Amino acid sequence: MGMEDRVAGKVKQAKGKGNDVAGAAKGSVGQQIKGKVQNAVGKIQDKLGKKS
């Protein structure tokens, strides 16, 4: 379970970073916020995976 959580967390972080950058490029605050939230969720999931 731990390794799966870590991988899923890294994927969410990457998606979040992509949304954040794309939102900044388009001037979409909503997309930037979505990206920051995805990134934060990914970091938490990655840390949970490390503890398992």
N, C-alpha and C. Protein backbone atom coordinates (compact mmCIF):
# COMPACT_ATOMS: atom_id res chain seq x y z
N MET A 1 0.83 -1.20 0.00
CA MET A 1 0.00 0.00 0.00
C MET A 1 0.86 1.25 0.00
N GLY A 2 1.97 1.22 0.68
CA GLY A 2 2.80 2.41 0.80
C GLY A 2 3.36 2.89 -0.53
N MET A 3 3.89 1.96 -1.33
CA MET A 3 4.48 2.35 -2.60
C MET A 3 3.41 2.87 -3.56
N GLU A 4 2.22 2.27 -3.54
CA GLU A 4 1.13 2.73 -4.39
C GLU A 4 0.73 4.16 -4.03
N ASP A 5 0.66 4.44 -2.73
CA ASP A 5 0.33 5.80 -2.28
C ASP A 5 1.39 6.80 -2.71
N ARG A 6 2.64 6.39 -2.62
CA ARG A 6 3.73 7.29 -3.01
C ARG A 6 3.66 7.62 -4.49
N VAL A 7 3.42 6.60 -5.32
CA VAL A 7 3.34 6.83 -6.77
C VAL A 7 2.14 7.69 -7.10
N ALA A 8 0.99 7.37 -6.51
CA ALA A 8 -0.21 8.16 -6.77
C ALA A 8 -0.02 9.60 -6.29
N GLY A 9 0.66 9.78 -5.19
CA GLY A 9 0.94 11.12 -4.69
C GLY A 9 1.82 11.91 -5.64
N LYS A 10 2.84 11.26 -6.18
CA LYS A 10 3.73 11.93 -7.14
C LYS A 10 2.98 12.31 -8.41
N VAL A 11 2.06 11.44 -8.86
CA VAL A 11 1.27 11.74 -10.06
C VAL A 11 0.38 12.95 -9.80
N LYS A 12 -0.25 12.99 -8.63
CA LYS A 12 -1.11 14.14 -8.30
C LYS A 12 -0.30 15.42 -8.21
N GLN A 13 0.92 15.32 -7.67
CA GLN A 13 1.77 16.50 -7.59
C GLN A 13 2.10 17.02 -9.00
N ALA A 14 2.39 16.10 -9.90
CA ALA A 14 2.73 16.49 -11.28
C ALA A 14 1.53 17.13 -11.97
N LYS A 15 0.35 16.54 -11.79
CA LYS A 15 -0.87 17.12 -12.38
C LYS A 15 -1.14 18.50 -11.80
N GLY A 16 -0.95 18.61 -10.49
CA GLY A 16 -1.17 19.89 -9.82
C GLY A 16 -0.23 20.96 -10.33
N LYS A 17 1.03 20.61 -10.49
CA LYS A 17 2.02 21.57 -11.01
C LYS A 17 1.62 22.00 -12.43
N GLY A 18 1.19 21.03 -13.24
CA GLY A 18 0.76 21.34 -14.60
C GLY A 18 -0.42 22.28 -14.62
N ASN A 19 -1.41 22.03 -13.77
CA ASN A 19 -2.58 22.91 -13.71
C ASN A 19 -2.20 24.30 -13.21
N ASP A 20 -1.31 24.35 -12.24
CA ASP A 20 -0.87 25.63 -11.70
C ASP A 20 -0.17 26.46 -12.78
N VAL A 21 0.74 25.84 -13.50
CA VAL A 21 1.48 26.55 -14.55
C VAL A 21 0.55 26.95 -15.70
N ALA A 22 -0.33 26.03 -16.10
CA ALA A 22 -1.26 26.34 -17.19
C ALA A 22 -2.21 27.47 -16.78
N GLY A 23 -2.66 27.44 -15.55
CA GLY A 23 -3.55 28.49 -15.06
C GLY A 23 -2.85 29.84 -15.04
N ALA A 24 -1.58 29.84 -14.67
CA ALA A 24 -0.82 31.09 -14.65
C ALA A 24 -0.65 31.61 -16.07
N ALA A 25 -0.39 30.71 -17.01
CA ALA A 25 -0.19 31.13 -18.40
C ALA A 25 -1.47 31.69 -19.01
N LYS A 26 -2.62 31.09 -18.64
CA LYS A 26 -3.90 31.54 -19.18
C LYS A 26 -4.53 32.65 -18.36
N GLY A 27 -3.99 32.90 -17.19
CA GLY A 27 -4.57 33.91 -16.32
C GLY A 27 -5.81 33.39 -15.60
N SER A 28 -5.90 32.07 -15.44
CA SER A 28 -7.05 31.44 -14.79
C SER A 28 -6.73 31.15 -13.33
N VAL A 29 -7.25 31.99 -12.45
CA VAL A 29 -7.01 31.82 -11.02
C VAL A 29 -7.61 30.51 -10.53
N GLY A 30 -8.78 30.14 -11.04
CA GLY A 30 -9.42 28.91 -10.64
C GLY A 30 -8.57 27.69 -10.93
N GLN A 31 -7.96 27.67 -12.11
CA GLN A 31 -7.11 26.55 -12.47
C GLN A 31 -5.84 26.53 -11.63
N GLN A 32 -5.33 27.70 -11.30
CA GLN A 32 -4.15 27.76 -10.43
C GLN A 32 -4.46 27.20 -9.05
N ILE A 33 -5.61 27.56 -8.52
CA ILE A 33 -6.01 27.07 -7.19
C ILE A 33 -6.19 25.56 -7.24
N LYS A 34 -6.85 25.07 -8.29
CA LYS A 34 -7.02 23.62 -8.45
C LYS A 34 -5.66 22.93 -8.46
N GLY A 35 -4.71 23.51 -9.16
CA GLY A 35 -3.37 22.94 -9.23
C GLY A 35 -2.68 22.92 -7.88
N LYS A 36 -2.82 23.99 -7.13
CA LYS A 36 -2.19 24.05 -5.81
C LYS A 36 -2.81 23.02 -4.86
N VAL A 37 -4.12 22.85 -4.95
CA VAL A 37 -4.81 21.86 -4.11
C VAL A 37 -4.36 20.45 -4.49
N GLN A 38 -4.31 20.16 -5.80
CA GLN A 38 -3.87 18.83 -6.25
C GLN A 38 -2.44 18.56 -5.76
N ASN A 39 -1.60 19.55 -5.85
CA ASN A 39 -0.22 19.40 -5.42
C ASN A 39 -0.15 19.10 -3.92
N ALA A 40 -0.94 19.82 -3.14
CA ALA A 40 -0.95 19.60 -1.69
C ALA A 40 -1.47 18.21 -1.34
N VAL A 41 -2.52 17.78 -2.01
CA VAL A 41 -3.07 16.44 -1.77
C VAL A 41 -2.03 15.38 -2.13
N GLY A 42 -1.33 15.60 -3.23
CA GLY A 42 -0.29 14.67 -3.65
C GLY A 42 0.84 14.57 -2.64
N LYS A 43 1.23 15.69 -2.08
CA LYS A 43 2.29 15.68 -1.06
C LYS A 43 1.86 14.91 0.17
N ILE A 44 0.62 15.11 0.59
CA ILE A 44 0.11 14.40 1.76
C ILE A 44 0.05 12.90 1.49
N GLN A 45 -0.45 12.54 0.31
CA GLN A 45 -0.54 11.11 -0.03
C GLN A 45 0.85 10.48 -0.10
N ASP A 46 1.82 11.21 -0.63
CA ASP A 46 3.19 10.71 -0.71
C ASP A 46 3.74 10.48 0.70
N LYS A 47 3.51 11.43 1.60
CA LYS A 47 4.00 11.29 2.97
C LYS A 47 3.33 10.12 3.70
N LEU A 48 2.03 9.92 3.44
CA LEU A 48 1.34 8.78 4.04
C LEU A 48 1.94 7.46 3.52
N GLY A 49 2.30 7.45 2.25
CA GLY A 49 2.91 6.26 1.68
C GLY A 49 4.27 5.96 2.28
N LYS A 50 5.01 7.00 2.64
CA LYS A 50 6.32 6.82 3.27
C LYS A 50 6.20 6.17 4.65
N LYS A 51 5.11 6.50 5.34
CA LYS A 51 4.91 5.98 6.70
C LYS A 51 4.46 4.53 6.70
N SER A 52 3.89 4.08 5.59
CA SER A 52 3.36 2.70 5.52
C SER A 52 4.47 1.70 5.33
